Amino acid sequence: MRKFWLIFAQTVTVSLGILFVLQTFKPDLLGNGTKLVTVRQAESTNQQHSVGSYSQAAHKAMPAVVNIFTSKAIPENSHPFMDDPMFRQFFDDQPDDQPQRENSLGSGVIVSPEGLILTNHHVIEAADEIEVALADGRTVPARVVGSDPETDLAVVKVDVKNLPSITFGHSEQLSVGDVVLAIGNPFGVGQTVTQGIVSALGRNHLGINTFENFIQTDAPINPGNSGGALIDTEGNLVGVNSAIYSRSGGSMGIGFAIPVSLARQVMDQIIRQGSVTRGWIGIEAQDITPELAESFKLKESRGALIAGVMRGGPADKAGVKPGDILMGINGQPVLDSAGMLNLIAALKPGHPANIRIVRNQSEQTLPVVIGKRPKPEVQRN
């Protein structure tokens, strides 16, 4: 028995020795097991190289981001004396006035393979010539489908088919601290990608647009980035870059993007009917401050104080009066004047709604027929 175990031990020892030698000097003879280890090591190496890189997200979205070049004629401001022949004879050496043109640049995002491009209203405002530079180097003319100054969004179209289009993300799923990338054409240097995080959500009362619900980011956004894409780490569109806070004209780490949830609502209406229709009841309102809450004996600083009511408007017909406090619309609470504006704008003109107000410390509900919000008369400069 002892002799048997001695032979077994020697056999195992020799076998392990042979296996060690083969694995060291002839690993290819060991078959699929060693190859599997090699493949796994290669996959691990590739994963290590991709850690901290957003190249896949950038390469996915960049072909759908375009540069937009616009120009418009500048009205002539010639001196009235120049129409007088006696005065003009002193200026015979000067050439006739040539029409001047103002050029500007921005960015846009291809939202359809059929050539529809989402951008900012202020990028194409008053332009009589629009050219779009595609990611593949082609430059093509574009026309305006429609725009919405109150959200600073616009849609233009190029007559080119089979274009790479952006994938829409979900801006409502963003959280403060999420990594985002901004893609655009800053200062006309060419397509550029910058990286940052979501600094804040739901920014309003900035005085930039009528309807504000901005994503704030520290991803560098500079002049020329307007209308470009704000994407997540998967390369999906979550916002349209719109504005920056700056004292020098360059990025200071405070940029604002319109959430894609709002952009899609506006874009769909523009594509469908060329403009945006919103609800309106004809009131002016202001936020409830702690001082006003105390004055009106409210339990909390919430709601919107109605400062004015348009005569003959829907609210006036419903019996709303200045000094009323608007607390809810169709069962949805009103937190402040900006929230009130958004809630009313989302209602369909011609449809009835119920508004809940506080008057003389007493709550009451008033029925109102929603009107159509008038188009803004004043355009941004």
Protein backbone atom coordinates (compact mmCIF):
# COMPACT_ATOMS: atom_id res chain seq x y z
CA MET A 1 0.00 0.00 0.00
CA ARG A 2 2.82 2.34 0.87
CA LYS A 3 4.48 1.63 -2.48
CA PHE A 4 1.23 2.50 -4.32
CA TRP A 5 0.95 5.92 -2.65
CA LEU A 6 4.61 6.65 -3.38
CA ILE A 7 4.06 5.93 -7.09
CA PHE A 8 0.88 8.12 -7.10
CA ALA A 9 2.67 11.04 -5.43
CA GLN A 10 5.57 10.88 -7.87
CA THR A 11 3.15 10.77 -10.83
CA VAL A 12 1.26 13.88 -9.61
CA THR A 13 4.51 15.74 -9.00
CA VAL A 14 5.82 14.97 -12.48
CA SER A 15 2.48 15.92 -14.07
CA LEU A 16 2.39 19.30 -12.30
CA GLY A 17 5.96 19.92 -13.36
CA ILE A 18 5.14 19.18 -17.00
CA LEU A 19 2.04 21.44 -16.80
CA PHE A 20 4.13 24.28 -15.35
CA VAL A 21 6.76 23.97 -18.10
CA LEU A 22 4.10 23.90 -20.85
CA GLN A 23 2.25 26.90 -19.46
CA THR A 24 5.49 28.84 -19.22
CA PHE A 25 7.10 28.00 -22.55
CA LYS A 26 4.28 26.62 -24.72
CA PRO A 27 0.99 28.21 -23.53
CA ASP A 28 -0.65 27.68 -26.95
CA LEU A 29 -0.58 23.90 -26.37
CA LEU A 30 -2.92 24.15 -23.38
CA GLY A 31 -6.03 24.85 -25.50
CA ASN A 32 -9.07 27.10 -24.90
CA GLY A 33 -8.58 27.57 -21.16
CA THR A 34 -5.52 29.80 -21.57
CA LYS A 35 -7.11 31.64 -24.50
CA LEU A 36 -10.15 32.45 -22.38
CA VAL A 37 -7.91 33.97 -19.72
CA THR A 38 -6.16 36.02 -22.41
CA VAL A 39 -9.48 37.35 -23.80
CA ARG A 40 -10.71 38.30 -20.34
CA GLN A 41 -7.48 40.13 -19.64
CA ALA A 42 -7.86 42.04 -22.92
CA GLU A 43 -11.45 42.99 -22.07
CA SER A 44 -10.31 44.17 -18.65
CA THR A 45 -7.60 46.30 -20.27
CA ASN A 46 -10.15 47.92 -22.64
CA GLN A 47 -12.45 48.71 -19.72
CA GLN A 48 -9.61 50.36 -17.88
CA HIS A 49 -8.87 52.57 -20.91
CA SER A 50 -12.55 53.67 -21.10
CA VAL A 51 -12.88 54.67 -17.46
CA GLY A 52 -13.35 58.45 -17.21
CA SER A 53 -13.77 58.88 -20.97
CA TYR A 54 -16.92 60.19 -22.65
CA SER A 55 -15.69 59.62 -26.20
CA GLN A 56 -18.54 57.23 -27.07
CA ALA A 57 -21.17 59.76 -25.99
CA ALA A 58 -19.42 62.55 -27.91
CA HIS A 59 -19.00 60.50 -31.10
CA LYS A 60 -22.65 59.45 -30.93
CA ALA A 61 -23.99 63.02 -30.71
CA MET A 62 -21.45 65.12 -32.63
CA PRO A 63 -22.65 64.22 -36.16
CA ALA A 64 -26.11 65.58 -35.27
CA VAL A 65 -24.80 68.98 -34.09
CA VAL A 66 -24.45 71.65 -36.77
CA ASN A 67 -23.13 75.19 -37.09
CA ILE A 68 -25.58 77.90 -38.12
CA PHE A 69 -24.45 81.07 -39.90
CA THR A 70 -26.91 83.92 -40.35
CA SER A 71 -26.83 87.37 -41.91
CA LYS A 72 -29.24 90.25 -42.08
CA ALA A 73 -29.25 93.67 -43.69
CA ILE A 74 -28.55 96.67 -41.48
CA PRO A 75 -30.92 99.59 -42.07
CA GLU A 76 -29.11 102.55 -43.59
CA ASN A 77 -28.84 105.62 -41.36
CA SER A 78 -27.70 108.12 -43.96
CA HIS A 79 -27.56 111.79 -43.06
CA PRO A 80 -30.58 113.73 -44.42
CA PHE A 81 -28.26 116.31 -46.00
CA MET A 82 -26.88 113.60 -48.30
CA ASP A 83 -30.07 113.90 -50.37
CA ASP A 84 -29.25 117.55 -51.08
CA PRO A 85 -27.26 117.91 -54.38
CA MET A 86 -25.59 121.10 -53.10
CA PHE A 87 -24.33 119.22 -50.03
CA ARG A 88 -23.28 116.07 -51.92
CA GLN A 89 -20.97 118.00 -54.24
CA PHE A 90 -18.50 118.32 -51.37
CA PHE A 91 -18.35 114.51 -51.10
CA ASP A 92 -17.83 113.51 -54.75
CA ASP A 93 -14.79 111.46 -53.83
CA GLN A 94 -16.79 109.13 -51.60
CA PRO A 95 -18.43 106.03 -53.15
CA ASP A 96 -22.15 105.46 -53.03
CA ASP A 97 -23.45 103.89 -49.87
CA GLN A 98 -23.29 100.11 -49.96
CA PRO A 99 -25.80 98.07 -47.98
CA GLN A 100 -24.26 96.75 -44.79
CA ARG A 101 -24.87 93.25 -43.45
CA GLU A 102 -24.57 91.85 -39.94
CA ASN A 103 -23.29 88.29 -39.58
CA SER A 104 -23.65 86.01 -36.58
CA LEU A 105 -23.18 82.37 -35.73
CA GLY A 106 -24.74 79.73 -33.53
CA SER A 107 -25.38 76.02 -33.32
CA GLY A 108 -28.25 73.62 -33.84
CA VAL A 109 -29.25 69.99 -33.36
CA ILE A 110 -30.59 67.73 -36.12
CA VAL A 111 -33.80 66.19 -34.76
CA SER A 112 -34.96 64.40 -37.91
CA PRO A 113 -33.17 62.58 -40.75
CA GLU A 114 -35.37 64.67 -43.08
CA GLY A 115 -33.43 67.84 -42.24
CA LEU A 116 -35.28 69.42 -39.28
CA ILE A 117 -32.95 71.29 -36.94
CA LEU A 118 -33.71 72.61 -33.45
CA THR A 119 -31.96 75.81 -32.36
CA ASN A 120 -32.50 79.04 -30.41
CA HIS A 121 -34.88 81.76 -31.60
CA HIS A 122 -32.24 84.42 -31.03
CA VAL A 123 -29.84 82.58 -33.35
CA ILE A 124 -32.10 83.01 -36.40
CA GLU A 125 -34.11 86.07 -35.33
CA ALA A 126 -34.58 88.59 -38.16
CA ALA A 127 -32.07 86.73 -40.36
CA ASP A 128 -32.74 86.91 -44.10
CA GLU A 129 -30.05 84.37 -44.96
CA ILE A 130 -29.31 81.15 -43.04
CA GLU A 131 -26.62 78.62 -43.84
CA VAL A 132 -26.02 75.37 -42.00
CA ALA A 133 -22.60 73.70 -41.87
CA LEU A 134 -23.04 69.96 -41.40
CA ALA A 135 -20.59 67.77 -39.52
CA ASP A 136 -19.43 66.19 -42.79
CA GLY A 137 -18.26 69.58 -44.10
CA ARG A 138 -21.18 70.40 -46.40
CA THR A 139 -22.74 73.88 -46.20
CA VAL A 140 -26.39 74.16 -47.24
CA PRO A 141 -29.05 76.89 -47.09
CA ALA A 142 -31.84 76.63 -44.54
CA ARG A 143 -35.29 78.12 -44.03
CA VAL A 144 -37.22 78.85 -40.85
CA VAL A 145 -40.11 76.48 -40.11
CA GLY A 146 -41.22 78.48 -37.07
CA SER A 147 -40.00 79.96 -33.81
CA ASP A 148 -41.14 80.70 -30.28
CA PRO A 149 -39.57 83.84 -28.74
CA GLU A 150 -41.08 83.12 -25.32
CA THR A 151 -38.99 79.98 -24.86
CA ASP A 152 -36.20 81.08 -27.26
CA LEU A 153 -36.62 78.03 -29.47
CA ALA A 154 -36.85 77.69 -33.25
CA VAL A 155 -36.91 75.01 -35.92
CA VAL A 156 -35.17 75.38 -39.30
CA LYS A 157 -35.03 72.96 -42.23
CA VAL A 158 -32.45 72.00 -44.82
CA ASP A 159 -33.28 70.12 -47.99
CA VAL A 160 -30.96 67.22 -47.28
CA LYS A 161 -32.11 63.68 -46.54
CA ASN A 162 -30.72 60.83 -44.45
CA LEU A 163 -28.99 63.07 -41.94
CA PRO A 164 -27.74 61.74 -38.60
CA SER A 165 -30.24 62.80 -35.94
CA ILE A 166 -29.89 63.15 -32.18
CA THR A 167 -31.35 60.67 -29.70
CA PHE A 168 -33.64 62.33 -27.16
CA GLY A 169 -32.96 61.76 -23.48
CA HIS A 170 -35.06 62.43 -20.38
CA SER A 171 -34.25 65.77 -18.76
CA GLU A 172 -36.75 65.05 -15.97
CA GLN A 173 -34.45 62.24 -14.80
CA LEU A 174 -31.44 64.53 -14.38
CA SER A 175 -30.04 65.14 -10.92
CA VAL A 176 -27.67 67.79 -9.60
CA GLY A 177 -24.16 66.41 -9.98
CA ASP A 178 -24.83 64.39 -13.15
CA VAL A 179 -22.11 64.70 -15.80
CA VAL A 180 -23.14 66.49 -19.02
CA LEU A 181 -21.37 67.50 -22.22
CA ALA A 182 -21.98 70.68 -24.24
CA ILE A 183 -21.44 70.56 -28.02
CA GLY A 184 -21.39 73.63 -30.24
CA ASN A 185 -19.29 76.10 -32.22
CA PRO A 186 -17.84 78.59 -29.69
CA PHE A 187 -16.47 81.80 -31.22
CA GLY A 188 -16.57 80.12 -34.64
CA VAL A 189 -13.50 77.97 -33.99
CA GLY A 190 -15.33 74.78 -35.04
CA GLN A 191 -17.25 72.01 -33.35
CA THR A 192 -16.16 71.68 -29.74
CA VAL A 193 -17.10 69.43 -26.82
CA THR A 194 -16.88 70.61 -23.20
CA GLN A 195 -17.65 68.71 -20.00
CA GLY A 196 -19.21 69.63 -16.67
CA ILE A 197 -21.99 68.71 -14.30
CA VAL A 198 -25.59 69.72 -13.69
CA SER A 199 -25.27 72.58 -11.20
CA ALA A 200 -28.98 73.19 -10.61
CA LEU A 201 -32.40 72.39 -12.03
CA GLY A 202 -35.56 74.43 -12.55
CA ARG A 203 -33.85 77.82 -12.68
CA ASN A 204 -36.34 80.63 -13.34
CA HIS A 205 -36.84 84.34 -12.60
CA LEU A 206 -33.68 85.02 -14.62
CA GLY A 207 -35.33 87.46 -17.02
CA ILE A 208 -34.03 85.58 -20.06
CA ASN A 209 -37.28 84.13 -21.42
CA THR A 210 -40.97 84.40 -20.58
CA PHE A 211 -41.14 80.69 -19.78
CA GLU A 212 -38.09 79.54 -17.84
CA ASN A 213 -37.18 76.15 -16.43
CA PHE A 214 -33.46 76.06 -17.10
CA ILE A 215 -30.85 73.39 -16.47
CA GLN A 216 -27.83 75.17 -14.99
CA THR A 217 -24.43 73.68 -15.82
CA ASP A 218 -20.76 74.52 -15.40
CA ALA A 219 -19.87 72.88 -18.74
CA PRO A 220 -18.18 75.79 -20.58
CA ILE A 221 -20.68 77.48 -22.93
CA ASN A 222 -19.45 80.43 -24.99
CA PRO A 223 -20.84 82.69 -27.76
CA GLY A 224 -21.58 80.46 -30.73
CA ASN A 225 -22.73 77.58 -28.53
CA SER A 226 -26.32 78.89 -28.51
CA GLY A 227 -28.68 76.28 -29.90
CA GLY A 228 -26.16 73.48 -29.45
CA ALA A 229 -26.63 70.21 -27.62
CA LEU A 230 -26.35 69.43 -23.93
CA ILE A 231 -26.04 65.63 -23.74
CA ASP A 232 -25.76 63.02 -21.01
CA THR A 233 -22.99 60.44 -20.72
CA GLU A 234 -24.90 58.13 -23.08
CA GLY A 235 -24.93 60.74 -25.86
CA ASN A 236 -28.64 61.56 -25.52
CA LEU A 237 -29.96 65.13 -25.81
CA VAL A 238 -31.11 66.49 -22.44
CA GLY A 239 -31.04 70.23 -23.15
CA VAL A 240 -30.54 73.00 -25.70
CA ASN A 241 -27.78 75.43 -24.72
CA SER A 242 -29.28 78.90 -24.58
CA ALA A 243 -27.54 81.47 -22.39
CA ILE A 244 -24.66 82.18 -20.02
CA TYR A 245 -24.01 84.48 -17.11
CA SER A 246 -20.88 86.43 -17.92
CA ARG A 247 -19.15 89.69 -17.14
CA SER A 248 -16.52 89.28 -19.85
CA GLY A 249 -18.45 87.68 -22.71
CA GLY A 250 -16.85 84.28 -22.07
CA SER A 251 -17.78 81.34 -19.89
CA MET A 252 -17.71 81.82 -16.12
CA GLY A 253 -19.06 78.38 -15.28
CA ILE A 254 -22.73 79.45 -15.21
CA GLY A 255 -24.57 78.28 -18.31
CA PHE A 256 -28.24 77.62 -18.93
CA ALA A 257 -29.91 75.04 -21.17
CA ILE A 258 -33.58 74.56 -22.04
CA PRO A 259 -34.69 71.07 -20.90
CA VAL A 260 -35.42 68.69 -23.75
CA SER A 261 -38.85 67.95 -22.25
CA LEU A 262 -39.89 71.58 -22.86
CA ALA A 263 -37.99 71.77 -26.16
CA ARG A 264 -39.85 68.76 -27.56
CA GLN A 265 -43.27 70.21 -26.65
CA VAL A 266 -42.44 73.48 -28.41
CA MET A 267 -40.74 71.75 -31.35
CA ASP A 268 -43.69 69.43 -31.99
CA GLN A 269 -46.12 72.36 -32.15
CA ILE A 270 -43.83 74.35 -34.45
CA ILE A 271 -43.43 71.40 -36.83
CA ARG A 272 -47.16 70.67 -36.77
CA GLN A 273 -48.57 74.21 -37.07
CA GLY A 274 -45.65 76.63 -37.47
CA SER A 275 -46.17 78.32 -34.11
CA VAL A 276 -46.96 77.61 -30.45
CA THR A 277 -50.43 77.99 -28.92
CA ARG A 278 -50.70 78.56 -25.17
CA GLY A 279 -53.43 79.14 -22.64
CA TRP A 280 -54.06 82.60 -21.14
CA ILE A 281 -56.50 84.16 -18.69
CA GLY A 282 -55.39 87.80 -18.68
CA ILE A 283 -53.80 88.42 -15.29
CA GLU A 284 -50.60 89.88 -13.90
CA ALA A 285 -49.16 88.21 -10.82
CA GLN A 286 -46.27 88.37 -8.40
CA ASP A 287 -44.70 85.96 -5.94
CA ILE A 288 -45.89 85.68 -2.36
CA THR A 289 -43.06 86.88 -0.15
CA PRO A 290 -42.92 86.12 3.60
CA GLU A 291 -44.02 89.71 4.24
CA LEU A 292 -47.04 89.34 1.94
CA ALA A 293 -47.89 85.98 3.49
CA GLU A 294 -47.92 87.59 6.91
CA SER A 295 -49.98 90.52 5.64
CA PHE A 296 -52.60 88.23 4.09
CA LYS A 297 -52.42 85.89 7.10
CA LEU A 298 -51.39 82.91 4.99
CA LYS A 299 -49.93 79.78 6.57
CA GLU A 300 -47.06 79.62 4.07
CA SER A 301 -45.38 81.70 1.36
CA ARG A 302 -46.99 79.94 -1.56
CA GLY A 303 -49.21 81.01 -4.44
CA ALA A 304 -49.33 84.04 -6.72
CA LEU A 305 -50.74 87.44 -5.80
CA ILE A 306 -52.91 88.78 -8.63
CA ALA A 307 -51.74 92.34 -9.18
CA GLY A 308 -53.84 93.12 -12.24
CA VAL A 309 -56.73 91.73 -14.27
CA MET A 310 -57.22 92.57 -17.94
CA ARG A 311 -60.66 94.07 -18.51
CA GLY A 312 -62.84 91.74 -20.56
CA GLY A 313 -60.33 88.90 -20.32
CA PRO A 314 -61.14 85.35 -19.22
CA ALA A 315 -60.20 86.00 -15.58
CA ASP A 316 -62.24 89.20 -15.47
CA LYS A 317 -65.27 87.36 -16.84
CA ALA A 318 -64.77 84.65 -14.22
CA GLY A 319 -64.88 87.20 -11.39
CA VAL A 320 -61.16 87.30 -10.49
CA LYS A 321 -60.12 90.56 -8.80
CA PRO A 322 -56.80 92.26 -8.04
CA GLY A 323 -55.68 91.23 -4.56
CA ASP A 324 -56.87 87.66 -4.95
CA ILE A 325 -54.27 84.97 -4.31
CA LEU A 326 -54.17 82.20 -6.89
CA MET A 327 -53.48 78.90 -5.09
CA GLY A 328 -54.32 76.19 -7.65
CA ILE A 329 -55.34 75.48 -11.24
CA ASN A 330 -57.32 72.34 -12.08
CA GLY A 331 -56.20 70.71 -8.86
CA GLN A 332 -52.50 71.49 -9.35
CA PRO A 333 -50.92 73.75 -6.71
CA VAL A 334 -49.47 77.12 -7.68
CA LEU A 335 -46.11 77.62 -6.00
CA ASP A 336 -45.15 81.00 -7.47
CA SER A 337 -45.88 83.31 -10.41
CA ALA A 338 -43.55 81.40 -12.76
CA GLY A 339 -45.25 78.12 -11.94
CA MET A 340 -48.64 79.76 -12.44
CA LEU A 341 -47.59 80.98 -15.88
CA ASN A 342 -46.46 77.50 -16.92
CA LEU A 343 -49.64 75.84 -15.64
CA ILE A 344 -51.91 78.27 -17.49
CA ALA A 345 -49.83 78.09 -20.68
CA ALA A 346 -50.24 74.30 -20.77
CA LEU A 347 -54.06 74.60 -20.85
CA LYS A 348 -55.93 74.44 -24.17
CA PRO A 349 -57.66 77.64 -25.31
CA GLY A 350 -61.44 77.37 -25.36
CA HIS A 351 -61.53 74.70 -22.67
CA PRO A 352 -62.93 75.29 -19.15
CA ALA A 353 -60.74 75.19 -16.05
CA ASN A 354 -61.17 75.70 -12.32
CA ILE A 355 -58.97 78.11 -10.43
CA ARG A 356 -58.70 78.15 -6.66
CA ILE A 357 -58.20 81.54 -5.04
CA VAL A 358 -58.01 83.02 -1.57
CA ARG A 359 -60.01 86.23 -1.03
CA ASN A 360 -60.39 87.82 2.38
CA GLN A 361 -58.86 84.71 4.01
CA SER A 362 -61.56 82.55 2.42
CA GLU A 363 -60.93 79.96 -0.29
CA GLN A 364 -63.21 79.68 -3.29
CA THR A 365 -63.13 78.02 -6.72
CA LEU A 366 -64.00 79.94 -9.88
CA PRO A 367 -64.68 78.43 -13.34
CA VAL A 368 -62.87 80.13 -16.20
CA VAL A 369 -62.77 79.54 -19.95
CA ILE A 370 -59.15 79.54 -21.11
CA GLY A 371 -58.23 82.05 -23.81
CA LYS A 372 -55.39 82.04 -26.34
CA ARG A 373 -52.20 83.75 -25.25
CA PRO A 374 -51.46 86.77 -27.50
CA LYS A 375 -48.21 86.79 -29.42
CA PRO A 376 -45.49 88.89 -27.80
CA GLU A 377 -45.19 92.33 -29.34
CA VAL A 378 -41.67 93.08 -28.16
CA GLN A 379 -38.84 91.03 -29.69
CA ARG A 380 -35.48 90.46 -28.08
CA ASN A 381 -32.52 92.43 -29.32
